[in-house]
Each structure stands twice: as structure tokens, then as C-alpha cells.
């Protein structure tokens, strides 16, 4: 997926009309999180591109972060039968289950 396709996909997942630069921020944050899990020993200055196999996961994590806006770190909330609880202020570890860490630098 190219960046424009990721934005379209993300907009459809979140049903939002956020500007491209905001979507790019969340996609970048998601990519950084995936790269830090996939390459835990990667030097920050090293250039690394997100492998294409993680494009869908990148969009899912970005959508999670967008949908959580305004409720960051929420521990409990109950209203009209809706219950929200966030025990972890970051991205849930369940998103990273399919990522196998590598000790090498991506080529």
C-alpha cells in the first residue's frame, strides 16, 4: 500500500475527515511502534522502512490511536451501558503478537 492508500484505508476504518498531515502523524507513530518491536536493537539514526507485510497492522494501530483521542489513559468510564477501561496508556500488546523480533538491520 502506498501512503495515499493507507490514508484512504485509515479514513474508512475511523469514519473521520482528519487532514492528511494528522493521518500521516498517526501512521508514522504506528510505524515507529512496529519497527521498535520488529527491530528492538535498531539504532534510532538508522533508516528503516516498514516492511509491506505490516501495512495493515500499521493502519489498525493508527485507527486505534485515533479512536482513543480524548480518552488517553482512561482507567474507567461507564455511561448508558458503554464501559471503557484502558489499563495501558500505550498500544495494547495484542497488536504486536504477529511481529517476530529480528536482531538484524532491515535490508
PDB file of N, CA and C in Angstrom:
ATOM      1  N   UNK A   1       0.845  -1.177   0.000  1.00  0.00           N
ATOM      2  CA  UNK A   1       0.000   0.000   0.000  1.00  0.00           C
ATOM      3  C   UNK A   1       0.888   1.236   0.000  1.00  0.00           C
ATOM      4  N   UNK A   2       0.550   2.200  -0.823  1.00  0.00           N
ATOM      5  CA  UNK A   2       1.287   3.461  -0.751  1.00  0.00           C
ATOM      6  C   UNK A   2       0.643   4.354   0.307  1.00  0.00           C
ATOM      7  N   UNK A   3       1.254   5.507   0.561  1.00  0.00           N
ATOM      8  CA  UNK A   3       0.781   6.382   1.647  1.00  0.00           C
ATOM      9  C   UNK A   3      -0.645   6.880   1.411  1.00  0.00           C
ATOM     10  N   UNK A   4      -0.992   7.198   0.172  1.00  0.00           N
ATOM     11  CA  UNK A   4      -2.349   7.666  -0.131  1.00  0.00           C
ATOM     12  C   UNK A   4      -3.374   6.565   0.134  1.00  0.00           C
ATOM     13  N   UNK A   5      -3.042   5.334  -0.242  1.00  0.00           N
ATOM     14  CA  UNK A   5      -3.946   4.210   0.014  1.00  0.00           C
ATOM     15  C   UNK A   5      -4.108   3.956   1.508  1.00  0.00           C
ATOM     16  N   UNK A   6      -3.015   4.121   2.270  1.00  0.00           N
ATOM     17  CA  UNK A   6      -3.101   3.956   3.718  1.00  0.00           C
ATOM     18  C   UNK A   6      -4.039   5.003   4.321  1.00  0.00           C
ATOM     19  N   UNK A   7      -3.955   6.243   3.838  1.00  0.00           N
ATOM     20  CA  UNK A   7      -4.842   7.301   4.342  1.00  0.00           C
ATOM     21  C   UNK A   7      -6.301   6.982   4.048  1.00  0.00           C
ATOM     22  N   UNK A   8      -6.576   6.511   2.840  1.00  0.00           N
ATOM     23  CA  UNK A   8      -7.950   6.142   2.465  1.00  0.00           C
ATOM     24  C   UNK A   8      -8.444   5.010   3.359  1.00  0.00           C
ATOM     25  N   UNK A   9      -7.598   4.017   3.544  1.00  0.00           N
ATOM     26  CA  UNK A   9      -7.943   2.872   4.388  1.00  0.00           C
ATOM     27  C   UNK A   9      -8.208   3.332   5.824  1.00  0.00           C
ATOM     28  N   UNK A  10      -7.351   4.198   6.336  1.00  0.00           N
ATOM     29  CA  UNK A  10      -7.487   4.690   7.699  1.00  0.00           C
ATOM     30  C   UNK A  10      -8.749   5.533   7.867  1.00  0.00           C
ATOM     31  N   UNK A  11      -9.053   6.353   6.878  1.00  0.00           N
ATOM     32  CA  UNK A  11     -10.285   7.153   6.941  1.00  0.00           C
ATOM     33  C   UNK A  11     -11.518   6.256   6.980  1.00  0.00           C
ATOM     34  N   UNK A  12     -11.503   5.191   6.198  1.00  0.00           N
ATOM     35  CA  UNK A  12     -12.657   4.293   6.191  1.00  0.00           C
ATOM     36  C   UNK A  12     -12.760   3.513   7.502  1.00  0.00           C
ATOM     37  N   UNK A  13     -11.637   3.215   8.117  1.00  0.00           N
ATOM     38  CA  UNK A  13     -11.653   2.494   9.387  1.00  0.00           C
ATOM     39  C   UNK A  13     -12.156   3.361  10.536  1.00  0.00           C
ATOM     40  N   UNK A  14     -11.869   4.644  10.470  1.00  0.00           N
ATOM     41  CA  UNK A  14     -12.216   5.538  11.578  1.00  0.00           C
ATOM     42  C   UNK A  14     -13.418   6.416  11.276  1.00  0.00           C
ATOM     43  N   UNK A  15     -13.881   6.404  10.040  1.00  0.00           N
ATOM     44  CA  UNK A  15     -15.001   7.246   9.617  1.00  0.00           C
ATOM     45  C   UNK A  15     -14.767   8.697  10.031  1.00  0.00           C
ATOM     46  N   UNK A  16     -13.581   9.190   9.703  1.00  0.00           N
ATOM     47  CA  UNK A  16     -13.197  10.543  10.072  1.00  0.00           C
ATOM     48  C   UNK A  16     -12.758  11.336   8.857  1.00  0.00           C
ATOM     49  N   UNK A  17     -12.765  12.624   8.989  1.00  0.00           N
ATOM     50  CA  UNK A  17     -12.330  13.525   7.918  1.00  0.00           C
ATOM     51  C   UNK A  17     -11.100  14.313   8.358  1.00  0.00           C
ATOM     52  N   UNK A  18     -10.204  13.667   9.100  1.00  0.00           N
ATOM     53  CA  UNK A  18      -8.984  14.330   9.548  1.00  0.00           C
ATOM     54  C   UNK A  18      -8.111  14.696   8.350  1.00  0.00           C
ATOM     55  N   UNK A  19      -7.341  15.755   8.508  1.00  0.00           N
ATOM     56  CA  UNK A  19      -6.427  16.208   7.451  1.00  0.00           C
ATOM     57  C   UNK A  19      -5.325  15.162   7.225  1.00  0.00           C
ATOM     58  N   UNK A  20      -4.738  15.202   6.030  1.00  0.00           N
ATOM     59  CA  UNK A  20      -3.689  14.250   5.680  1.00  0.00           C
ATOM     60  C   UNK A  20      -2.521  14.284   6.649  1.00  0.00           C
ATOM     61  N   UNK A  21      -2.108  15.478   7.098  1.00  0.00           N
ATOM     62  CA  UNK A  21      -0.956  15.557   7.982  1.00  0.00           C
ATOM     63  C   UNK A  21      -1.238  14.904   9.337  1.00  0.00           C
ATOM     64  N   UNK A  22      -2.478  14.955   9.800  1.00  0.00           N
ATOM     65  CA  UNK A  22      -2.842  14.298  11.056  1.00  0.00           C
ATOM     66  C   UNK A  22      -2.818  12.781  10.867  1.00  0.00           C
ATOM     67  N   UNK A  23      -3.370  12.314   9.758  1.00  0.00           N
ATOM     68  CA  UNK A  23      -3.343  10.874   9.475  1.00  0.00           C
ATOM     69  C   UNK A  23      -1.905  10.385   9.330  1.00  0.00           C
ATOM     70  N   UNK A  24      -1.070  11.187   8.657  1.00  0.00           N
ATOM     71  CA  UNK A  24       0.335  10.820   8.496  1.00  0.00           C
ATOM     72  C   UNK A  24       1.044  10.727   9.838  1.00  0.00           C
ATOM     73  N   UNK A  25       0.694  11.616  10.769  1.00  0.00           N
ATOM     74  CA  UNK A  25       1.278  11.562  12.106  1.00  0.00           C
ATOM     75  C   UNK A  25       0.951  10.228  12.778  1.00  0.00           C
ATOM     76  N   UNK A  26      -0.319   9.835  12.737  1.00  0.00           N
ATOM     77  CA  UNK A  26      -0.718   8.580  13.378  1.00  0.00           C
ATOM     78  C   UNK A  26      -0.128   7.368  12.657  1.00  0.00           C
ATOM     79  N   UNK A  27      -0.063   7.426  11.344  1.00  0.00           N
ATOM     80  CA  UNK A  27       0.566   6.334  10.601  1.00  0.00           C
ATOM     81  C   UNK A  27       2.054   6.243  10.937  1.00  0.00           C
ATOM     82  N   UNK A  28       2.705   7.383  11.091  1.00  0.00           N
ATOM     83  CA  UNK A  28       4.117   7.402  11.465  1.00  0.00           C
ATOM     84  C   UNK A  28       4.341   6.856  12.873  1.00  0.00           C
ATOM     85  N   UNK A  29       3.460   7.229  13.790  1.00  0.00           N
ATOM     86  CA  UNK A  29       3.547   6.724  15.153  1.00  0.00           C
ATOM     87  C   UNK A  29       3.377   5.204  15.175  1.00  0.00           C
ATOM     88  N   UNK A  30       2.422   4.718  14.396  1.00  0.00           N
ATOM     89  CA  UNK A  30       2.196   3.273  14.305  1.00  0.00           C
ATOM     90  C   UNK A  30       3.408   2.573  13.693  1.00  0.00           C
ATOM     91  N   UNK A  31       3.981   3.162  12.646  1.00  0.00           N
ATOM     92  CA  UNK A  31       5.163   2.568  12.011  1.00  0.00           C
ATOM     93  C   UNK A  31       6.326   2.508  12.991  1.00  0.00           C
ATOM     94  N   UNK A  32       6.523   3.571  13.759  1.00  0.00           N
ATOM     95  CA  UNK A  32       7.606   3.584  14.747  1.00  0.00           C
ATOM     96  C   UNK A  32       7.410   2.487  15.790  1.00  0.00           C
ATOM     97  N   UNK A  33       6.173   2.297  16.233  1.00  0.00           N
ATOM     98  CA  UNK A  33       5.888   1.269  17.233  1.00  0.00           C
ATOM     99  C   UNK A  33       6.165  -0.126  16.671  1.00  0.00           C
ATOM    100  N   UNK A  34       5.772  -0.357  15.422  1.00  0.00           N
ATOM    101  CA  UNK A  34       6.007  -1.657  14.793  1.00  0.00           C
ATOM    102  C   UNK A  34       7.501  -1.899  14.603  1.00  0.00           C
ATOM    103  N   UNK A  35       8.210  -0.887  14.110  1.00  0.00           N
ATOM    104  CA  UNK A  35       9.649  -1.029  13.894  1.00  0.00           C
ATOM    105  C   UNK A  35      10.397  -1.270  15.190  1.00  0.00           C
ATOM    106  N   UNK A  36       9.983  -0.609  16.271  1.00  0.00           N
ATOM    107  CA  UNK A  36      10.681  -0.817  17.540  1.00  0.00           C
ATOM    108  C   UNK A  36      10.444  -2.226  18.076  1.00  0.00           C
ATOM    109  N   UNK A  37       9.299  -2.830  17.738  1.00  0.00           N
ATOM    110  CA  UNK A  37       9.029  -4.206  18.160  1.00  0.00           C
ATOM    111  C   UNK A  37       9.733  -5.190  17.232  1.00  0.00           C
ATOM    112  N   UNK A  38       9.717  -4.914  15.935  1.00  0.00           N
ATOM    113  CA  UNK A  38      10.315  -5.837  14.963  1.00  0.00           C
ATOM    114  C   UNK A  38      11.847  -5.807  15.003  1.00  0.00           C
ATOM    115  N   UNK A  39      12.406  -4.638  15.280  1.00  0.00           N
ATOM    116  CA  UNK A  39      13.866  -4.478  15.311  1.00  0.00           C
ATOM    117  C   UNK A  39      14.257  -3.800  16.626  1.00  0.00           C
ATOM    118  N   UNK A  40      14.205  -4.541  17.736  1.00  0.00           N
ATOM    119  CA  UNK A  40      14.427  -3.926  19.054  1.00  0.00           C
ATOM    120  C   UNK A  40      15.823  -3.342  19.251  1.00  0.00           C
ATOM    121  N   UNK A  41      16.787  -3.770  18.457  1.00  0.00           N
ATOM    122  CA  UNK A  41      18.154  -3.270  18.616  1.00  0.00           C
ATOM    123  C   UNK A  41      18.543  -2.297  17.513  1.00  0.00           C
ATOM    124  N   UNK A  42      17.574  -1.811  16.779  1.00  0.00           N
ATOM    125  CA  UNK A  42      17.835  -0.872  15.689  1.00  0.00           C
ATOM    126  C   UNK A  42      18.267   0.460  16.270  1.00  0.00           C
ATOM    127  N   UNK A  43      19.372   0.977  15.782  1.00  0.00           N
ATOM    128  CA  UNK A  43      19.844   2.293  16.209  1.00  0.00           C
ATOM    129  C   UNK A  43      18.882   3.331  15.655  1.00  0.00           C
ATOM    130  N   UNK A  44      18.494   4.274  16.482  1.00  0.00           N
ATOM    131  CA  UNK A  44      17.473   5.253  16.081  1.00  0.00           C
ATOM    132  C   UNK A  44      17.847   6.036  14.830  1.00  0.00           C
ATOM    133  N   UNK A  45      19.138   6.287  14.631  1.00  0.00           N
ATOM    134  CA  UNK A  45      19.565   7.069  13.468  1.00  0.00           C
ATOM    135  C   UNK A  45      19.536   6.264  12.175  1.00  0.00           C
ATOM    136  N   UNK A  46      19.472   4.950  12.295  1.00  0.00           N
ATOM    137  CA  UNK A  46      19.469   4.109  11.098  1.00  0.00           C
ATOM    138  C   UNK A  46      18.128   4.238  10.379  1.00  0.00           C
ATOM    139  N   UNK A  47      18.200   4.358   9.078  1.00  0.00           N
ATOM    140  CA  UNK A  47      16.971   4.472   8.281  1.00  0.00           C
ATOM    141  C   UNK A  47      16.365   3.092   8.105  1.00  0.00           C
ATOM    142  N   UNK A  48      15.112   2.967   8.451  1.00  0.00           N
ATOM    143  CA  UNK A  48      14.420   1.686   8.298  1.00  0.00           C
ATOM    144  C   UNK A  48      13.030   1.952   7.763  1.00  0.00           C
ATOM    145  N   UNK A  49      12.665   1.193   6.765  1.00  0.00           N
ATOM    146  CA  UNK A  49      11.319   1.297   6.218  1.00  0.00           C
ATOM    147  C   UNK A  49      10.475   0.174   6.786  1.00  0.00           C
ATOM    148  N   UNK A  50       9.210   0.473   6.944  1.00  0.00           N
ATOM    149  CA  UNK A  50       8.283  -0.527   7.440  1.00  0.00           C
ATOM    150  C   UNK A  50       8.071  -1.586   6.360  1.00  0.00           C
ATOM    151  N   UNK A  51       8.291  -2.865   6.690  1.00  0.00           N
ATOM    152  CA  UNK A  51       8.036  -3.921   5.703  1.00  0.00           C
ATOM    153  C   UNK A  51       6.566  -3.889   5.277  1.00  0.00           C
ATOM    154  N   UNK A  52       6.307  -4.127   4.016  1.00  0.00           N
ATOM    155  CA  UNK A  52       4.945  -4.034   3.484  1.00  0.00           C
ATOM    156  C   UNK A  52       3.985  -5.010   4.146  1.00  0.00           C
ATOM    157  N   UNK A  53       4.500  -6.105   4.695  1.00  0.00           N
ATOM    158  CA  UNK A  53       3.609  -7.065   5.357  1.00  0.00           C
ATOM    159  C   UNK A  53       2.928  -6.467   6.584  1.00  0.00           C
ATOM    160  N   UNK A  54       3.446  -5.343   7.084  1.00  0.00           N
ATOM    161  CA  UNK A  54       2.862  -4.699   8.252  1.00  0.00           C
ATOM    162  C   UNK A  54       1.971  -3.503   7.900  1.00  0.00           C
ATOM    163  N   UNK A  55       1.680  -3.283   6.633  1.00  0.00           N
ATOM    164  CA  UNK A  55       0.836  -2.140   6.233  1.00  0.00           C
ATOM    165  C   UNK A  55      -0.537  -2.176   6.896  1.00  0.00           C
ATOM    166  N   UNK A  56      -1.161  -3.334   6.887  1.00  0.00           N
ATOM    167  CA  UNK A  56      -2.483  -3.461   7.505  1.00  0.00           C
ATOM    168  C   UNK A  56      -2.433  -3.216   9.002  1.00  0.00           C
ATOM    169  N   UNK A  57      -1.420  -3.775   9.650  1.00  0.00           N
ATOM    170  CA  UNK A  57      -1.244  -3.579  11.084  1.00  0.00           C
ATOM    171  C   UNK A  57      -0.988  -2.108  11.399  1.00  0.00           C
ATOM    172  N   UNK A  58      -0.224  -1.450  10.550  1.00  0.00           N
ATOM    173  CA  UNK A  58       0.039  -0.022  10.733  1.00  0.00           C
ATOM    174  C   UNK A  58      -1.271   0.764  10.733  1.00  0.00           C
ATOM    175  N   UNK A  59      -2.162   0.453   9.803  1.00  0.00           N
ATOM    176  CA  UNK A  59      -3.462   1.129   9.734  1.00  0.00           C
ATOM    177  C   UNK A  59      -4.318   0.799  10.952  1.00  0.00           C
ATOM    178  N   UNK A  60      -4.274  -0.456  11.408  1.00  0.00           N
ATOM    179  CA  UNK A  60      -5.059  -0.846  12.591  1.00  0.00           C
ATOM    180  C   UNK A  60      -4.599  -0.101  13.839  1.00  0.00           C
ATOM    181  N   UNK A  61      -3.288  -0.006  14.029  1.00  0.00           N
ATOM    182  CA  UNK A  61      -2.759   0.692  15.200  1.00  0.00           C
ATOM    183  C   UNK A  61      -3.075   2.179  15.111  1.00  0.00           C
ATOM    184  N   UNK A  62      -2.927   2.764  13.924  1.00  0.00           N
ATOM    185  CA  UNK A  62      -3.250   4.184  13.752  1.00  0.00           C
ATOM    186  C   UNK A  62      -4.726   4.435  14.038  1.00  0.00           C
ATOM    187  N   UNK A  63      -5.598   3.543  13.587  1.00  0.00           N
ATOM    188  CA  UNK A  63      -7.035   3.689  13.856  1.00  0.00           C
ATOM    189  C   UNK A  63      -7.311   3.590  15.353  1.00  0.00           C
ATOM    190  N   UNK A  64      -6.640   2.669  16.033  1.00  0.00           N
ATOM    191  CA  UNK A  64      -6.797   2.544  17.482  1.00  0.00           C
ATOM    192  C   UNK A  64      -6.422   3.863  18.166  1.00  0.00           C
ATOM    193  N   UNK A  65      -5.291   4.432  17.766  1.00  0.00           N
ATOM    194  CA  UNK A  65      -4.834   5.673  18.380  1.00  0.00           C
ATOM    195  C   UNK A  65      -5.779   6.835  18.094  1.00  0.00           C
ATOM    196  N   UNK A  66      -6.302   6.894  16.885  1.00  0.00           N
ATOM    197  CA  UNK A  66      -7.250   7.962  16.534  1.00  0.00           C
ATOM    198  C   UNK A  66      -8.537   7.809  17.340  1.00  0.00           C
ATOM    199  N   UNK A  67      -9.045   6.594  17.421  1.00  0.00           N
ATOM    200  CA  UNK A  67     -10.297   6.358  18.141  1.00  0.00           C
ATOM    201  C   UNK A  67     -10.164   6.602  19.637  1.00  0.00           C
ATOM    202  N   UNK A  68      -8.959   6.558  20.137  1.00  0.00           N
ATOM    203  CA  UNK A  68      -8.712   6.761  21.558  1.00  0.00           C
ATOM    204  C   UNK A  68      -8.497   8.241  21.902  1.00  0.00           C
ATOM    205  N   UNK A  69      -8.457   9.094  20.900  1.00  0.00           N
ATOM    206  CA  UNK A  69      -8.243  10.532  21.129  1.00  0.00           C
ATOM    207  C   UNK A  69      -9.256  11.082  22.111  1.00  0.00           C
ATOM    208  N   UNK A  70      -8.760  11.880  23.030  1.00  0.00           N
ATOM    209  CA  UNK A  70      -9.632  12.485  24.016  1.00  0.00           C
ATOM    210  C   UNK A  70      -9.866  11.624  25.228  1.00  0.00           C
ATOM    211  N   UNK A  71      -9.426  10.381  25.168  1.00  0.00           N
ATOM    212  CA  UNK A  71      -9.622   9.478  26.307  1.00  0.00           C
ATOM    213  C   UNK A  71      -8.311   8.784  26.657  1.00  0.00           C
ATOM    214  N   UNK A  72      -7.190   9.447  26.375  1.00  0.00           N
ATOM    215  CA  UNK A  72      -5.885   8.843  26.595  1.00  0.00           C
ATOM    216  C   UNK A  72      -5.718   8.414  28.041  1.00  0.00           C
ATOM    217  N   UNK A  73      -5.309   7.180  28.239  1.00  0.00           N
ATOM    218  CA  UNK A  73      -5.027   6.665  29.560  1.00  0.00           C
ATOM    219  C   UNK A  73      -6.247   6.452  30.452  1.00  0.00           C
ATOM    220  N   UNK A  74      -7.414   6.514  29.875  1.00  0.00           N
ATOM    221  CA  UNK A  74      -8.639   6.375  30.660  1.00  0.00           C
ATOM    222  C   UNK A  74      -8.631   5.048  31.415  1.00  0.00           C
ATOM    223  N   UNK A  75      -8.909   5.090  32.694  1.00  0.00           N
ATOM    224  CA  UNK A  75      -8.901   3.883  33.505  1.00  0.00           C
ATOM    225  C   UNK A  75     -10.292   3.279  33.626  1.00  0.00           C
ATOM    226  N   UNK A  76     -11.325   4.076  33.706  1.00  0.00           N
ATOM    227  CA  UNK A  76     -12.685   3.540  33.760  1.00  0.00           C
ATOM    228  C   UNK A  76     -13.662   4.609  33.297  1.00  0.00           C
ATOM    229  N   UNK A  77     -14.722   4.157  32.650  1.00  0.00           N
ATOM    230  CA  UNK A  77     -15.766   5.071  32.194  1.00  0.00           C
ATOM    231  C   UNK A  77     -17.002   4.222  31.915  1.00  0.00           C
ATOM    232  N   UNK A  78     -18.115   4.638  32.435  1.00  0.00           N
ATOM    233  CA  UNK A  78     -19.353   3.912  32.205  1.00  0.00           C
ATOM    234  C   UNK A  78     -20.465   4.918  31.978  1.00  0.00           C
ATOM    235  N   UNK A  79     -21.146   4.783  30.847  1.00  0.00           N
ATOM    236  CA  UNK A  79     -22.225   5.708  30.523  1.00  0.00           C
ATOM    237  C   UNK A  79     -23.194   5.029  29.564  1.00  0.00           C
ATOM    238  N   UNK A  80     -24.460   4.973  29.944  1.00  0.00           N
ATOM    239  CA  UNK A  80     -25.511   4.399  29.100  1.00  0.00           C
ATOM    240  C   UNK A  80     -25.158   3.011  28.570  1.00  0.00           C
ATOM    241  N   UNK A  81     -24.606   2.176  29.424  1.00  0.00           N
ATOM    242  CA  UNK A  81     -24.282   0.819  29.022  1.00  0.00           C
ATOM    243  C   UNK A  81     -22.947   0.660  28.322  1.00  0.00           C
ATOM    244  N   UNK A  82     -22.242   1.751  28.068  1.00  0.00           N
ATOM    245  CA  UNK A  82     -20.918   1.687  27.453  1.00  0.00           C
ATOM    246  C   UNK A  82     -19.879   1.747  28.557  1.00  0.00           C
ATOM    247  N   UNK A  83     -18.984   0.778  28.563  1.00  0.00           N
ATOM    248  CA  UNK A  83     -17.941   0.732  29.583  1.00  0.00           C
ATOM    249  C   UNK A  83     -16.596   0.766  28.879  1.00  0.00           C
ATOM    250  N   UNK A  84     -15.741   1.697  29.287  1.00  0.00           N
ATOM    251  CA  UNK A  84     -14.390   1.805  28.724  1.00  0.00           C
ATOM    252  C   UNK A  84     -13.386   1.713  29.858  1.00  0.00           C
ATOM    253  N   UNK A  85     -12.344   0.943  29.671  1.00  0.00           N
ATOM    254  CA  UNK A  85     -11.264   0.842  30.643  1.00  0.00           C
ATOM    255  C   UNK A  85      -9.965   0.676  29.871  1.00  0.00           C
ATOM    256  N   UNK A  86      -9.006   1.521  30.102  1.00  0.00           N
ATOM    257  CA  UNK A  86      -7.688   1.412  29.488  1.00  0.00           C
ATOM    258  C   UNK A  86      -6.679   1.204  30.602  1.00  0.00           C
ATOM    259  N   UNK A  87      -6.118   0.034  30.679  1.00  0.00           N
ATOM    260  CA  UNK A  87      -5.115  -0.235  31.694  1.00  0.00           C
ATOM    261  C   UNK A  87      -3.733   0.177  31.256  1.00  0.00           C
ATOM    262  N   UNK A  88      -3.548   0.298  29.960  1.00  0.00           N
ATOM    263  CA  UNK A  88      -2.244   0.639  29.404  1.00  0.00           C
ATOM    264  C   UNK A  88      -2.412   1.902  28.576  1.00  0.00           C
ATOM    265  N   UNK A  89      -1.603   2.892  28.849  1.00  0.00           N
ATOM    266  CA  UNK A  89      -1.722   4.160  28.135  1.00  0.00           C
ATOM    267  C   UNK A  89      -1.195   4.059  26.706  1.00  0.00           C
ATOM    268  N   UNK A  90      -0.435   3.041  26.411  1.00  0.00           N
ATOM    269  CA  UNK A  90       0.127   2.886  25.081  1.00  0.00           C
ATOM    270  C   UNK A  90      -0.729   2.004  24.195  1.00  0.00           C
ATOM    271  N   UNK A  91      -0.079   1.386  23.243  1.00  0.00           N
ATOM    272  CA  UNK A  91      -0.751   0.483  22.308  1.00  0.00           C
ATOM    273  C   UNK A  91      -0.813  -0.902  22.959  1.00  0.00           C
ATOM    274  N   UNK A  92      -1.985  -1.532  22.981  1.00  0.00           N
ATOM    275  CA  UNK A  92      -2.086  -2.862  23.600  1.00  0.00           C
ATOM    276  C   UNK A  92      -1.135  -3.869  22.947  1.00  0.00           C
ATOM    277  N   UNK A  93      -0.561  -4.720  23.770  1.00  0.00           N
ATOM    278  CA  UNK A  93       0.405  -5.699  23.273  1.00  0.00           C
ATOM    279  C   UNK A  93      -0.213  -6.684  22.291  1.00  0.00           C
ATOM    280  N   UNK A  94      -1.518  -6.849  22.324  1.00  0.00           N
ATOM    281  CA  UNK A  94      -2.165  -7.790  21.406  1.00  0.00           C
ATOM    282  C   UNK A  94      -1.934  -7.401  19.944  1.00  0.00           C
ATOM    283  N   UNK A  95      -1.721  -6.123  19.666  1.00  0.00           N
ATOM    284  CA  UNK A  95      -1.453  -5.694  18.293  1.00  0.00           C
ATOM    285  C   UNK A  95      -0.105  -6.207  17.790  1.00  0.00           C
ATOM    286  N   UNK A  96       0.800  -6.504  18.697  1.00  0.00           N
ATOM    287  CA  UNK A  96       2.154  -6.881  18.308  1.00  0.00           C
ATOM    288  C   UNK A  96       2.389  -8.388  18.287  1.00  0.00           C
ATOM    289  N   UNK A  97       1.355  -9.176  18.482  1.00  0.00           N
ATOM    290  CA  UNK A  97       1.527 -10.632  18.569  1.00  0.00           C
ATOM    291  C   UNK A  97       2.101 -11.262  17.307  1.00  0.00           C
ATOM    292  N   UNK A  98       1.781 -10.747  16.149  1.00  0.00           N
ATOM    293  CA  UNK A  98       2.252 -11.338  14.901  1.00  0.00           C
ATOM    294  C   UNK A  98       3.619 -10.869  14.459  1.00  0.00           C
ATOM    295  N   UNK A  99       4.256 -10.012  15.245  1.00  0.00           N
ATOM    296  CA  UNK A  99       5.566  -9.481  14.871  1.00  0.00           C
ATOM    297  C   UNK A  99       6.650 -10.330  15.530  1.00  0.00           C
ATOM    298  N   UNK A 100       7.543 -10.840  14.706  1.00  0.00           N
ATOM    299  CA  UNK A 100       8.663 -11.618  15.210  1.00  0.00           C
ATOM    300  C   UNK A 100       9.880 -10.700  15.249  1.00  0.00           C
ATOM    301  N   UNK A 101      10.425 -10.442  16.434  1.00  0.00           N
ATOM    302  CA  UNK A 101      11.584  -9.546  16.541  1.00  0.00           C
ATOM    303  C   UNK A 101      12.793 -10.105  15.793  1.00  0.00           C
ATOM    304  N   UNK A 102      13.562  -9.200  15.219  1.00  0.00           N
ATOM    305  CA  UNK A 102      14.762  -9.554  14.498  1.00  0.00           C
ATOM    306  C   UNK A 102      15.917  -8.775  15.098  1.00  0.00           C
ATOM    307  N   UNK A 103      17.090  -9.403  15.147  1.00  0.00           N
ATOM    308  CA  UNK A 103      18.260  -8.726  15.713  1.00  0.00           C
ATOM    309  C   UNK A 103      19.098  -8.042  14.659  1.00  0.00           C
ATOM    310  N   UNK A 104      18.729  -8.161  13.393  1.00  0.00           N
ATOM    311  CA  UNK A 104      19.482  -7.534  12.323  1.00  0.00           C
ATOM    312  C   UNK A 104      18.824  -6.254  11.855  1.00  0.00           C
ATOM    313  N   UNK A 105      19.563  -5.516  11.059  1.00  0.00           N
ATOM    314  CA  UNK A 105      19.040  -4.296  10.472  1.00  0.00           C
ATOM    315  C   UNK A 105      18.303  -4.668   9.187  1.00  0.00           C
ATOM    316  N   UNK A 106      17.113  -4.125   8.962  1.00  0.00           N
ATOM    317  CA  UNK A 106      16.366  -4.480   7.746  1.00  0.00           C
ATOM    318  C   UNK A 106      17.123  -4.058   6.503  1.00  0.00           C
ATOM    319  N   UNK A 107      17.004  -4.856   5.466  1.00  0.00           N
ATOM    320  CA  UNK A 107      17.704  -4.529   4.221  1.00  0.00           C
ATOM    321  C   UNK A 107      16.793  -3.862   3.236  1.00  0.00           C
TER     322      UNK A 107
END
